[in-house]
Each structure stands twice: as C-alpha cells, then as structure tokens.
C-alpha cells in the first residue's frame, strides 16, 4: 500500500533524519549529572527537555530509525536513481484537473441528486458525515470493479488507508492478549500501526506465492497455546509490498476456510490489484467472502490521486451489544474516527468523488493507461536485470530475483549483506538507491535481499538505474567475474 516509503521515504525524500541524542546526554552532547542516564525528575522550566526513554516506545523502534535513514540518504544523494519509493507515477495529471473533478462532483450533486446550491455549499464547507460523503460512490465502484456488493453504510471513508488500519486495529484489539497475524516480510504501515497501538504482532511465513494459509492456522494455534487471542490476519493478496507475491485462487479459498475454522478476521489490503502484468485479475478475498470474514481496506492513492489522502474500510461484520442490540463494524469504527480525525476532508472526497463520477464508477477502465505504464515498467525492469545478469552470470555471482505478475515491486537476492551501510555505498559510489528487505521482515530475515520499485521511473531511468545497480552488485559480490 502502499509503501512506507509511501508514508515517509515515499515522498522522494525531502525530510531529514529525526533529531536524536543518546540517553544520558543533553542535546549538545554534554553528560547529565551522574554516571548514566538520569532517573530523577527533569527540572521544570522553559528550557526543560523531554527524555526520549520516557516517551512511547515506538519512537525508538528500529523500523522508524530505518525509514528516517532512508529519507536522509535520499536527501543527501538527490542525483541517485531511486528504486526505493513505491509512490505512483504522476502520469498525465495536471493541477487544473483538481478543479475539473471538483466541478464534476458538484454538478453530480446538483443534477443527479437535485441538491440546491446551499446544500452543496454546506457539503463542501462543513465537517460532514463522520463515515464519509462519497461512500455510495465507492460502493458502486467496488461493485463494478471487484464484484463486491455491500451496502454503502458498511463503508467508512478514511484519511488514507493508513487511518483505516489504525481504526480497525483499535476496534479489534481490546486487550494485551489480542494479537495480529501478519505475513513476513510485511508492509511496514501495518506493523507500524500495531506498534503505535501496542498491539502484539505474530509473523506468518510468506512463500513465493504469498502468505501460506496453513501457516496462518499454525500461527493462530501457537498464539492460543501461548495464552493469546489471534484477532485477525493482515494480507495483501495481489502483488504484495514488499515482495510482489500474489495468492493463487486456491490459496484464497483456503485462507477463507481457515479464517472460518479458526475464528479469524482477514484484513485485506488491496492497493495494487488493478496493476496486472501477466495473466488475468484474480478475485479479491472480499469478493470470495461468504461469511463476512474479510475487512477490506482500500485506497485511491495508486488508482486516483495520492495527494487527496482518501481511503476506505469496508467493514460489514455484525456487532452485537450487551443487550442484544445490533450494528455493523463500520458504525463502531466511526465512533473511533470521531475522536481522531473527526471526518475525512470534504474537499478531498469531492475531488475523488468527481473522478469516480467521471469514470462511471469504473476505475479499472479509467486506469487503463496507468495499468499499461506499470506493466511496461515492470517488464522493462525484468528485461534489464536479465540483460545485465544472464543465467550464467547470475549463477557465478549468486544472485536471482522473483517474477511478480504485477504491481510495483520485486525482490533481488544477493550474496552480500544488503543493509544501511551497503545502501549508503550504493548511493554514494554508484548513484542508485533501493530498500533493504530487512526493514520489512519480522525477525532476522531479509539480510541478503533488496527491494526494487519501478513505479515512479520512466523506462530510460530504469535502464540507467539497473546499469548502476549491476555495477554495485558486481562490486559487492565476493565471486570474481
């Protein structure tokens, strides 16, 4: 989803590293009183400093440090060709398009719904409905594009998909015994959200064809044996970030069966499903769901306008109250949203609404050009890797890579440690950037893998970038050519 290079480094790296100093030192580097970190109260007054070890533990999480480092490297080497960010291409977008789509939406309200100018003004000016104002258009788009048929009121419009993750985790995980199952390697946005909420995460094995359903069962039972309650399993079924892996149709059905048997919800994140390189689009887990086991997370960042920061949660699960009263999970998520972002920007929703109306709520058809662009880019990246590393040379160097059927990403296996030090050498000496896979892995894996993203580059930059990358890999590899 989105990539946390889509929430941090994704913006192409204008941000620098977070300010940091060693516990026991003042920001100027001088020691505080005593022989180690101070354990006494910090003096009050206008110059008093906050102690990092007294703040939430997520602020010292290695993941956040890694993302800050990636931002910092990008900013220090602006001329480097970057395969790091998973941001979408700007394509043919022009600033004037925003006003055009806003007008399409207001015309829709006036002509199709018979709204007065005063009603339209209030819709755009005021806070608006907590669950969103374009939920009906989103429901229509899901029906046309994904064969998902749900009431509009089961959709919560969020400030990006990241808010949807936070709302859902906050609602589902009620106590310290509640755990989230995630594939490893995994999109850092979901593990980061869990860390912010102090939700325990348990890794599940991911193979070449994505999350292994039987491993989900094993992880759920291991959690229960440890006195935990597995609440949900997060999965990107199509072209996952960071691996590019996809679940087969058979594995999708099996995962739903296991979710039913193990009383799990599936948190399905679907940012890349449109962008097929080879084969036909596969049905989403939600389209196959017959028992309301899937909470479907969506975003318009890759398919419409990332700057709008509009996503959604489709949560049609029934919730039963203590006196037998019934609601749907979407209503409960709105209660949490009302205490966080209150509502999603009406202006942003109106622009996305205009894009939906203009496409007849058929975004897959409207994305024909981007689909072709990303397909051609991924094909170009694979072709350049093959050109620089034919089979005999791959075997000599000890490298290989996967062949995703679509999306933005692929993974290269290398014979050296692909860590932050290697990334800095790559940027400084060879002018090319990538993302260490260890940043996405729960545990010690991914140390000899790097992720490449081709979504934000044109074919010529891909060609030049792979040439630089090949020189770097050859230089780093222990086997002489």
Protein backbone atom coordinates (compact mmCIF):
# COMPACT_ATOMS: atom_id res chain seq x y z
CA UNK A 1 0.00 0.00 0.00
CA UNK A 2 1.14 1.50 -0.19
CA UNK A 3 4.61 1.64 0.94
CA UNK A 4 6.02 3.34 3.99
CA UNK A 5 8.26 4.77 1.63
CA UNK A 6 4.60 5.88 0.86
CA UNK A 7 4.26 7.46 4.25
CA UNK A 8 7.83 8.59 4.89
CA UNK A 9 10.51 7.96 2.29
CA UNK A 10 7.88 7.65 -0.45
CA UNK A 11 7.62 11.38 -0.92
CA UNK A 12 11.04 11.21 -2.59
CA UNK A 13 12.94 12.21 0.43
CA UNK A 14 12.81 15.84 1.34
CA UNK A 15 12.71 15.02 5.04
CA UNK A 16 15.88 14.57 7.06
CA UNK A 17 16.53 12.24 9.97
CA UNK A 18 14.73 12.73 13.23
CA UNK A 19 16.58 14.61 15.93
CA UNK A 20 18.14 12.14 18.35
CA UNK A 21 20.63 12.10 21.18
CA UNK A 22 21.95 9.36 23.40
CA UNK A 23 20.08 8.85 26.69
CA UNK A 24 22.12 10.43 29.43
CA UNK A 25 23.25 13.30 27.24
CA UNK A 26 21.88 16.76 26.66
CA UNK A 27 21.14 17.66 23.02
CA UNK A 28 24.51 19.48 22.88
CA UNK A 29 26.31 16.22 23.75
CA UNK A 30 27.24 17.00 27.36
CA UNK A 31 26.61 14.39 30.05
CA UNK A 32 23.83 14.86 32.54
CA UNK A 33 24.56 14.52 36.23
CA UNK A 34 25.50 11.02 37.36
CA UNK A 35 27.28 8.14 35.65
CA UNK A 36 24.48 7.08 33.33
CA UNK A 37 21.01 8.09 32.11
CA UNK A 38 19.26 10.26 34.66
CA UNK A 39 16.50 8.57 36.64
CA UNK A 40 15.41 11.64 38.58
CA UNK A 41 12.78 14.19 37.59
CA UNK A 42 13.57 16.57 34.77
CA UNK A 43 13.74 20.14 36.12
CA UNK A 44 10.74 22.28 35.27
CA UNK A 45 11.11 25.48 33.34
CA UNK A 46 11.18 26.83 29.79
CA UNK A 47 14.45 25.04 28.94
CA UNK A 48 13.41 21.62 30.30
CA UNK A 49 13.96 18.73 27.84
CA UNK A 50 11.83 15.66 27.36
CA UNK A 51 13.55 12.34 27.93
CA UNK A 52 13.21 10.00 24.97
CA UNK A 53 13.05 6.94 27.20
CA UNK A 54 10.02 8.47 28.93
CA UNK A 55 8.10 8.73 25.63
CA UNK A 56 6.29 5.97 23.79
CA UNK A 57 8.48 3.05 22.80
CA UNK A 58 7.56 3.34 19.11
CA UNK A 59 9.76 6.44 18.89
CA UNK A 60 12.86 4.30 19.34
CA UNK A 61 11.63 1.42 17.22
CA UNK A 62 14.33 0.30 14.74
CA UNK A 63 11.77 0.45 11.93
CA UNK A 64 11.28 4.20 12.35
CA UNK A 65 15.03 4.68 12.51
CA UNK A 66 15.44 2.72 9.27
CA UNK A 67 12.83 4.83 7.46
CA UNK A 68 14.45 8.03 8.71
CA UNK A 69 17.81 6.79 7.46
CA UNK A 70 16.34 6.08 4.02
CA UNK A 71 14.90 9.60 3.88
CA UNK A 72 18.25 11.02 4.90
CA UNK A 73 20.16 9.06 2.25
CA UNK A 74 17.73 10.14 -0.48
CA UNK A 75 18.12 13.80 0.52
CA UNK A 76 21.94 13.59 0.56
CA UNK A 77 22.17 11.95 -2.86
CA UNK A 78 19.50 13.69 -4.96
CA UNK A 79 21.17 12.68 -8.23
CA UNK A 80 20.93 8.98 -7.44
CA UNK A 81 18.35 6.99 -9.37
CA UNK A 82 15.92 5.67 -6.79
CA UNK A 83 14.25 2.27 -6.89
CA UNK A 84 13.19 2.90 -3.27
CA UNK A 85 9.87 4.78 -3.27
CA UNK A 86 6.63 2.97 -4.05
CA UNK A 87 4.83 6.15 -4.97
CA UNK A 88 2.68 6.23 -8.13
CA UNK A 89 3.65 7.98 -11.33
CA UNK A 90 2.18 11.44 -11.87
CA UNK A 91 1.42 10.43 -15.46
CA UNK A 92 -0.68 12.98 -17.35
CA UNK A 93 -2.02 14.64 -14.18
CA UNK A 94 -2.22 18.44 -14.26
CA UNK A 95 -3.08 20.78 -11.35
CA UNK A 96 -6.11 22.01 -13.26
CA UNK A 97 -7.59 18.51 -13.02
CA UNK A 98 -8.39 19.08 -9.34
CA UNK A 99 -10.79 21.93 -10.11
CA UNK A 100 -12.27 19.97 -13.01
CA UNK A 101 -13.07 16.93 -10.87
CA UNK A 102 -14.43 19.13 -8.09
CA UNK A 103 -16.82 20.65 -10.62
CA UNK A 104 -17.82 17.21 -11.90
CA UNK A 105 -18.77 16.24 -8.36
CA UNK A 106 -20.77 19.40 -7.59
CA UNK A 107 -22.57 19.05 -10.95
CA UNK A 108 -23.40 15.48 -9.96
CA UNK A 109 -24.92 16.68 -6.67
CA UNK A 110 -26.96 19.32 -8.46
CA UNK A 111 -28.15 17.36 -11.49
CA UNK A 112 -28.32 13.77 -10.28
CA UNK A 113 -29.40 14.36 -6.71
CA UNK A 114 -31.25 17.64 -7.11
CA UNK A 115 -29.26 19.45 -4.44
CA UNK A 116 -29.53 23.20 -4.03
CA UNK A 117 -26.51 25.50 -4.06
CA UNK A 118 -26.90 25.94 -0.30
CA UNK A 119 -26.76 22.16 0.26
CA UNK A 120 -23.67 21.85 -1.92
CA UNK A 121 -22.00 24.72 -0.09
CA UNK A 122 -22.63 23.06 3.27
CA UNK A 123 -21.38 19.72 1.96
CA UNK A 124 -18.03 21.24 0.94
CA UNK A 125 -17.66 23.78 3.74
CA UNK A 126 -18.65 21.89 6.88
CA UNK A 127 -17.14 18.94 8.74
CA UNK A 128 -19.63 16.49 7.29
CA UNK A 129 -20.61 12.92 7.99
CA UNK A 130 -18.01 11.00 10.05
CA UNK A 131 -18.23 7.93 7.83
CA UNK A 132 -17.77 9.98 4.68
CA UNK A 133 -19.89 11.55 1.95
CA UNK A 134 -18.79 9.50 -1.09
CA UNK A 135 -19.39 6.07 0.45
CA UNK A 136 -22.21 5.41 -2.03
CA UNK A 137 -19.93 6.10 -5.00
CA UNK A 138 -17.25 3.85 -3.51
CA UNK A 139 -19.82 1.07 -3.09
CA UNK A 140 -20.77 1.40 -6.77
CA UNK A 141 -17.12 1.31 -7.83
CA UNK A 142 -16.49 -1.83 -5.76
CA UNK A 143 -19.49 -3.49 -7.43
CA UNK A 144 -18.30 -2.64 -10.94
CA UNK A 145 -14.56 -3.18 -10.46
CA UNK A 146 -14.35 -6.01 -7.92
CA UNK A 147 -17.78 -7.70 -7.95
CA UNK A 148 -18.12 -6.75 -4.27
CA UNK A 149 -21.72 -5.93 -3.38
CA UNK A 150 -22.27 -4.28 0.01
CA UNK A 151 -24.50 -1.55 1.46
CA UNK A 152 -22.89 1.88 1.30
CA UNK A 153 -23.27 2.27 5.07
CA UNK A 154 -20.76 -0.55 5.60
CA UNK A 155 -18.03 1.70 4.17
CA UNK A 156 -16.07 4.24 6.23
CA UNK A 157 -14.19 6.85 4.19
CA UNK A 158 -10.82 7.42 5.85
CA UNK A 159 -7.89 9.81 5.68
CA UNK A 160 -5.78 7.45 3.63
CA UNK A 161 -5.75 3.70 4.08
CA UNK A 162 -3.34 4.14 6.99
CA UNK A 163 -6.13 5.60 9.11
CA UNK A 164 -8.27 2.63 8.16
CA UNK A 165 -5.65 0.29 9.58
CA UNK A 166 -5.42 2.25 12.82
CA UNK A 167 -9.21 2.37 13.28
CA UNK A 168 -9.60 -1.34 12.58
CA UNK A 169 -6.78 -2.44 14.87
CA UNK A 170 -8.02 -0.18 17.65
CA UNK A 171 -11.51 -1.65 17.39
CA UNK A 172 -10.48 -5.31 17.16
CA UNK A 173 -7.68 -5.45 19.72
CA UNK A 174 -9.27 -4.87 23.11
CA UNK A 175 -6.54 -6.09 25.45
CA UNK A 176 -2.88 -7.12 25.70
CA UNK A 177 -3.73 -10.74 24.87
CA UNK A 178 -5.04 -9.77 21.40
CA UNK A 179 -2.57 -10.33 18.57
CA UNK A 180 -2.40 -9.58 14.85
CA UNK A 181 -1.00 -12.14 12.42
CA UNK A 182 0.99 -10.67 9.53
CA UNK A 183 2.97 -12.12 6.67
CA UNK A 184 6.74 -11.73 6.90
CA UNK A 185 8.08 -9.80 5.06
CA UNK A 186 5.29 -7.28 5.54
CA UNK A 187 4.24 -3.74 4.65
CA UNK A 188 5.64 -1.54 7.39
CA UNK A 189 2.48 0.58 7.61
CA UNK A 190 0.52 -2.19 9.34
CA UNK A 191 3.33 -3.24 11.67
CA UNK A 192 3.95 0.43 12.46
CA UNK A 193 0.27 0.98 13.23
CA UNK A 194 0.31 -2.06 15.52
CA UNK A 195 3.40 -0.71 17.27
CA UNK A 196 1.75 2.67 17.87
CA UNK A 197 -1.24 0.91 19.44
CA UNK A 198 0.86 -1.59 21.44
CA UNK A 199 -0.72 -4.48 19.54
CA UNK A 200 1.40 -7.63 19.50
CA UNK A 201 2.28 -8.93 16.04
CA UNK A 202 2.98 -12.57 15.16
CA UNK A 203 4.73 -13.33 11.86
CA UNK A 204 3.38 -15.84 9.34
CA UNK A 205 5.57 -17.40 6.65
CA UNK A 206 5.29 -15.99 3.13
CA UNK A 207 6.45 -18.13 0.22
CA UNK A 208 6.92 -17.36 -3.49
CA UNK A 209 3.12 -17.35 -3.93
CA UNK A 210 2.37 -15.17 -0.93
CA UNK A 211 1.02 -15.90 2.51
CA UNK A 212 0.79 -19.62 3.26
CA UNK A 213 -2.73 -20.42 4.55
CA UNK A 214 -1.59 -23.44 6.55
CA UNK A 215 1.00 -21.27 8.28
CA UNK A 216 -1.83 -18.95 9.29
CA UNK A 217 -3.53 -21.85 11.06
CA UNK A 218 -0.27 -22.83 12.75
CA UNK A 219 0.37 -19.25 13.92
CA UNK A 220 -3.18 -18.87 15.25
CA UNK A 221 -2.95 -22.07 17.26
CA UNK A 222 0.50 -21.19 18.58
CA UNK A 223 -0.87 -17.85 19.75
CA UNK A 224 -3.71 -19.55 21.63
CA UNK A 225 -1.29 -22.03 23.18
CA UNK A 226 0.67 -19.03 24.49
CA UNK A 227 -2.44 -17.57 26.11
CA UNK A 228 -3.05 -15.02 23.36
CA UNK A 229 -6.14 -14.36 21.25
CA UNK A 230 -5.46 -14.13 17.50
CA UNK A 231 -7.92 -11.50 16.26
CA UNK A 232 -7.05 -11.01 12.61
CA UNK A 233 -4.58 -11.75 9.85
CA UNK A 234 -3.33 -8.96 7.57
CA UNK A 235 -2.69 -9.84 3.93
CA UNK A 236 -2.09 -8.16 0.57
CA UNK A 237 -3.39 -10.84 -1.80
CA UNK A 238 -2.22 -9.16 -5.01
CA UNK A 239 1.37 -8.05 -5.70
CA UNK A 240 2.28 -7.53 -2.05
CA UNK A 241 4.55 -4.81 -0.78
CA UNK A 242 7.44 -5.56 -0.46
CA UNK A 243 7.68 -8.97 -2.13
CA UNK A 244 5.41 -8.61 -5.15
CA UNK A 245 3.92 -12.04 -4.33
CA UNK A 246 0.28 -12.96 -5.02
CA UNK A 247 -2.03 -15.61 -3.62
CA UNK A 248 -3.37 -18.22 -6.03
CA UNK A 249 -7.15 -18.51 -6.26
CA UNK A 250 -6.92 -21.86 -4.48
CA UNK A 251 -4.95 -20.29 -1.63
CA UNK A 252 -7.55 -17.52 -1.32
CA UNK A 253 -10.33 -20.03 -0.84
CA UNK A 254 -8.22 -22.00 1.63
CA UNK A 255 -7.36 -18.88 3.64
CA UNK A 256 -11.06 -18.07 3.97
CA UNK A 257 -11.80 -21.62 5.11
CA UNK A 258 -9.09 -21.40 7.77
CA UNK A 259 -10.32 -17.99 8.90
CA UNK A 260 -13.76 -19.50 9.47
CA UNK A 261 -12.39 -22.56 11.25
CA UNK A 262 -10.02 -20.55 13.48
CA UNK A 263 -12.44 -17.65 14.09
CA UNK A 264 -10.17 -15.07 12.49
CA UNK A 265 -10.91 -11.93 10.56
CA UNK A 266 -8.88 -11.24 7.43
CA UNK A 267 -7.66 -7.66 6.95
CA UNK A 268 -7.34 -7.49 3.17
CA UNK A 269 -5.30 -4.56 1.85
CA UNK A 270 -5.73 -4.05 -1.90
CA UNK A 271 -3.71 -1.10 -3.25
CA UNK A 272 -2.19 -2.81 -6.31
CA UNK A 273 -4.86 -5.21 -7.58
CA UNK A 274 -5.52 -3.28 -10.81
CA UNK A 275 -1.91 -3.40 -11.95
CA UNK A 276 -1.62 -6.81 -13.58
CA UNK A 277 1.49 -7.57 -15.63
CA UNK A 278 0.78 -11.16 -16.63
CA UNK A 279 -2.40 -13.22 -16.59
CA UNK A 280 -5.88 -12.13 -15.58
CA UNK A 281 -7.01 -10.20 -12.48
CA UNK A 282 -7.86 -12.52 -9.58
CA UNK A 283 -10.91 -12.04 -7.36
CA UNK A 284 -10.28 -10.24 -4.10
CA UNK A 285 -10.73 -12.10 -0.86
CA UNK A 286 -13.75 -9.91 -0.13
CA UNK A 287 -15.37 -10.89 -3.42
CA UNK A 288 -15.00 -14.55 -2.37
CA UNK A 289 -16.09 -13.96 1.23
CA UNK A 290 -19.39 -15.64 2.11
CA UNK A 291 -19.20 -15.39 5.89
CA UNK A 292 -18.14 -11.77 6.45
CA UNK A 293 -14.66 -12.81 7.49
CA UNK A 294 -12.92 -10.09 5.43
CA UNK A 295 -12.46 -6.46 6.38
CA UNK A 296 -11.45 -4.84 3.10
CA UNK A 297 -9.01 -1.90 3.20
CA UNK A 298 -8.83 0.31 0.13
CA UNK A 299 -7.18 3.47 -1.09
CA UNK A 300 -7.29 5.87 -4.02
CA UNK A 301 -3.58 6.66 -3.68
CA UNK A 302 -2.49 4.39 -6.53
CA UNK A 303 -5.64 4.45 -8.68
CA UNK A 304 -6.70 8.10 -8.50
CA UNK A 305 -4.89 10.86 -6.56
CA UNK A 306 -2.42 10.17 -3.73
CA UNK A 307 -2.40 13.81 -2.62
CA UNK A 308 -6.10 13.62 -1.74
CA UNK A 309 -5.30 11.14 1.09
CA UNK A 310 -8.62 9.31 0.73
CA UNK A 311 -9.02 5.65 1.61
CA UNK A 312 -11.81 3.48 2.98
CA UNK A 313 -12.64 0.49 5.15
CA UNK A 314 -15.35 -1.93 4.10
CA UNK A 315 -16.47 -3.44 7.43
CA UNK A 316 -19.84 -5.20 7.09
CA UNK A 317 -19.43 -7.55 10.07
CA UNK A 318 -22.30 -7.62 12.58
CA UNK A 319 -21.60 -6.39 16.10
CA UNK A 320 -23.91 -7.50 18.94
CA UNK A 321 -24.24 -5.27 22.00
CA UNK A 322 -24.66 -6.35 25.65
CA UNK A 323 -28.45 -6.08 25.42
CA UNK A 324 -28.78 -7.79 22.05
CA UNK A 325 -28.66 -4.58 20.00
CA UNK A 326 -27.04 -4.94 16.59
CA UNK A 327 -24.82 -2.72 14.46
CA UNK A 328 -22.17 -3.20 11.78
CA UNK A 329 -18.46 -2.83 12.41
CA UNK A 330 -18.32 0.26 10.18
CA UNK A 331 -20.55 2.11 12.67
CA UNK A 332 -18.19 1.21 15.51
CA UNK A 333 -15.17 2.40 13.51
CA UNK A 334 -16.93 5.74 13.04
CA UNK A 335 -17.05 6.18 16.81
CA UNK A 336 -13.26 5.93 16.95
CA UNK A 337 -12.81 8.15 13.91
CA UNK A 338 -14.96 10.84 15.56
CA UNK A 339 -12.29 11.06 18.27
CA UNK A 340 -9.31 11.11 15.90
CA UNK A 341 -9.68 12.83 12.52
CA UNK A 342 -13.40 13.63 13.10
CA UNK A 343 -14.06 13.22 9.38
CA UNK A 344 -12.18 12.95 6.10
CA UNK A 345 -11.71 16.22 4.20
CA UNK A 346 -14.90 17.03 2.27
CA UNK A 347 -12.81 18.74 -0.43
CA UNK A 348 -10.62 15.67 -0.90
CA UNK A 349 -13.67 13.44 -1.01
CA UNK A 350 -15.29 15.73 -3.56
CA UNK A 351 -12.26 15.51 -5.88
CA UNK A 352 -12.17 11.71 -5.61
CA UNK A 353 -15.96 11.68 -5.99
CA UNK A 354 -15.59 13.66 -9.21
CA UNK A 355 -13.07 11.14 -10.50
CA UNK A 356 -15.48 8.31 -9.69
CA UNK A 357 -18.41 10.08 -11.36
CA UNK A 358 -16.34 10.93 -14.45
CA UNK A 359 -15.38 7.26 -14.83
CA UNK A 360 -18.92 5.99 -14.30
CA UNK A 361 -17.57 4.42 -11.08
CA UNK A 362 -15.43 2.13 -13.23
CA UNK A 363 -11.94 2.95 -12.01
CA UNK A 364 -10.34 -0.14 -13.53
CA UNK A 365 -11.33 1.07 -17.00
CA UNK A 366 -10.25 4.62 -16.16
CA UNK A 367 -6.83 3.26 -15.13
CA UNK A 368 -6.12 1.65 -18.49
CA UNK A 369 -3.17 3.97 -19.16
CA UNK A 370 -1.58 3.60 -15.68
CA UNK A 371 -2.08 -0.18 -15.85
CA UNK A 372 -0.18 -0.25 -19.15
CA UNK A 373 2.51 2.08 -17.77
CA UNK A 374 3.22 -0.02 -14.68
CA UNK A 375 3.10 -3.23 -16.72
CA UNK A 376 5.65 -1.84 -19.18
CA UNK A 377 7.85 -0.56 -16.35
CA UNK A 378 7.91 -3.90 -14.55
CA UNK A 379 8.64 -5.68 -17.83
CA UNK A 380 11.44 -3.18 -18.51
CA UNK A 381 12.95 -3.74 -15.07
CA UNK A 382 12.86 -7.52 -15.50
CA UNK A 383 14.35 -7.27 -19.00
CA UNK A 384 17.21 -5.03 -17.83
CA UNK A 385 18.02 -7.36 -14.94
CA UNK A 386 18.10 -10.27 -17.39
CA UNK A 387 20.31 -8.30 -19.80
CA UNK A 388 22.88 -7.45 -17.14
CA UNK A 389 22.65 -10.79 -15.35
CA UNK A 390 22.06 -13.63 -17.81
CA UNK A 391 21.76 -17.11 -16.32
CA UNK A 392 25.46 -17.96 -16.33
CA UNK A 393 26.44 -14.67 -14.75
CA UNK A 394 23.65 -14.96 -12.15
CA UNK A 395 24.96 -18.35 -11.14
CA UNK A 396 28.54 -17.07 -10.90
CA UNK A 397 27.55 -14.11 -8.71
CA UNK A 398 24.94 -15.97 -6.68
CA UNK A 399 22.01 -13.66 -7.38
CA UNK A 400 18.44 -14.10 -8.56
CA UNK A 401 15.08 -12.35 -8.36
CA UNK A 402 11.36 -13.15 -8.38
CA UNK A 403 8.95 -12.60 -11.28
CA UNK A 404 5.85 -10.81 -9.95
CA UNK A 405 2.68 -10.99 -12.03
CA UNK A 406 2.07 -7.28 -11.43
CA UNK A 407 2.33 -4.38 -9.03
CA UNK A 408 5.26 -2.09 -8.29
CA UNK A 409 7.89 -4.30 -6.61
CA UNK A 410 10.30 -7.18 -6.97
CA UNK A 411 12.98 -8.66 -4.72
CA UNK A 412 16.61 -9.37 -5.63
CA UNK A 413 18.58 -11.97 -3.66
CA UNK A 414 22.24 -11.00 -3.34
CA UNK A 415 25.36 -12.70 -1.85
CA UNK A 416 26.23 -9.77 0.42
CA UNK A 417 24.57 -8.08 3.38
CA UNK A 418 22.07 -5.57 1.97
CA UNK A 419 21.92 -3.22 4.96
CA UNK A 420 22.03 0.53 5.55
CA UNK A 421 25.81 0.61 5.12
CA UNK A 422 25.52 -1.10 1.73
CA UNK A 423 22.70 1.28 0.76
CA UNK A 424 24.90 4.27 1.55
CA UNK A 425 27.77 2.88 -0.56
CA UNK A 426 25.33 2.20 -3.37
CA UNK A 427 24.05 5.78 -3.30
CA UNK A 428 27.44 7.45 -2.81
CA UNK A 429 29.63 5.42 -5.15
CA UNK A 430 27.20 4.10 -7.74
CA UNK A 431 24.31 6.59 -7.74
CA UNK A 432 21.48 4.13 -7.19
CA UNK A 433 19.03 3.58 -4.32
CA UNK A 434 16.95 0.59 -3.22
CA UNK A 435 15.33 -0.58 0.01
CA UNK A 436 16.79 -3.25 2.33
CA UNK A 437 14.33 -6.11 2.72
CA UNK A 438 15.37 -6.50 6.35
CA UNK A 439 13.33 -3.34 7.01
CA UNK A 440 10.17 -5.33 6.17
CA UNK A 441 11.00 -8.60 7.90
CA UNK A 442 9.91 -9.56 11.40
CA UNK A 443 12.98 -11.15 12.94
CA UNK A 444 16.37 -11.62 11.35
CA UNK A 445 15.41 -12.38 7.74
CA UNK A 446 15.89 -10.35 4.58
CA UNK A 447 19.53 -9.52 5.24
CA UNK A 448 20.63 -10.60 1.74
CA UNK A 449 17.69 -9.18 -0.18
CA UNK A 450 16.82 -5.80 -1.62
CA UNK A 451 13.51 -4.46 -2.89
CA UNK A 452 13.25 -2.62 -6.19
CA UNK A 453 10.29 -0.41 -7.08
CA UNK A 454 9.78 0.79 -10.64
CA UNK A 455 6.53 2.73 -10.30
CA UNK A 456 7.93 6.27 -10.25
CA UNK A 457 10.56 5.92 -13.01
CA UNK A 458 10.39 6.10 -16.79
CA UNK A 459 11.94 3.33 -18.95
CA UNK A 460 15.12 5.29 -19.65
CA UNK A 461 15.75 5.87 -15.94
CA UNK A 462 15.06 2.19 -15.30
CA UNK A 463 17.66 1.25 -17.93
CA UNK A 464 20.28 3.57 -16.46
CA UNK A 465 19.37 2.64 -12.90
CA UNK A 466 19.78 -1.10 -13.49
CA UNK A 467 23.15 -0.42 -15.15
CA UNK A 468 24.27 1.36 -11.98
CA UNK A 469 22.76 -1.34 -9.79
CA UNK A 470 24.55 -4.06 -11.76
CA UNK A 471 27.87 -2.30 -11.21
CA UNK A 472 27.16 -2.05 -7.49
CA UNK A 473 26.10 -5.71 -7.14
CA UNK A 474 29.15 -6.87 -9.11
CA UNK A 475 31.44 -4.76 -6.92
CA UNK A 476 29.85 -6.10 -3.71
CA UNK A 477 29.72 -9.75 -4.71
CA UNK A 478 32.57 -11.91 -3.41
CA UNK A 479 32.85 -14.12 -6.54
CA UNK A 480 35.05 -12.55 -9.24
CA UNK A 481 33.57 -12.19 -12.70
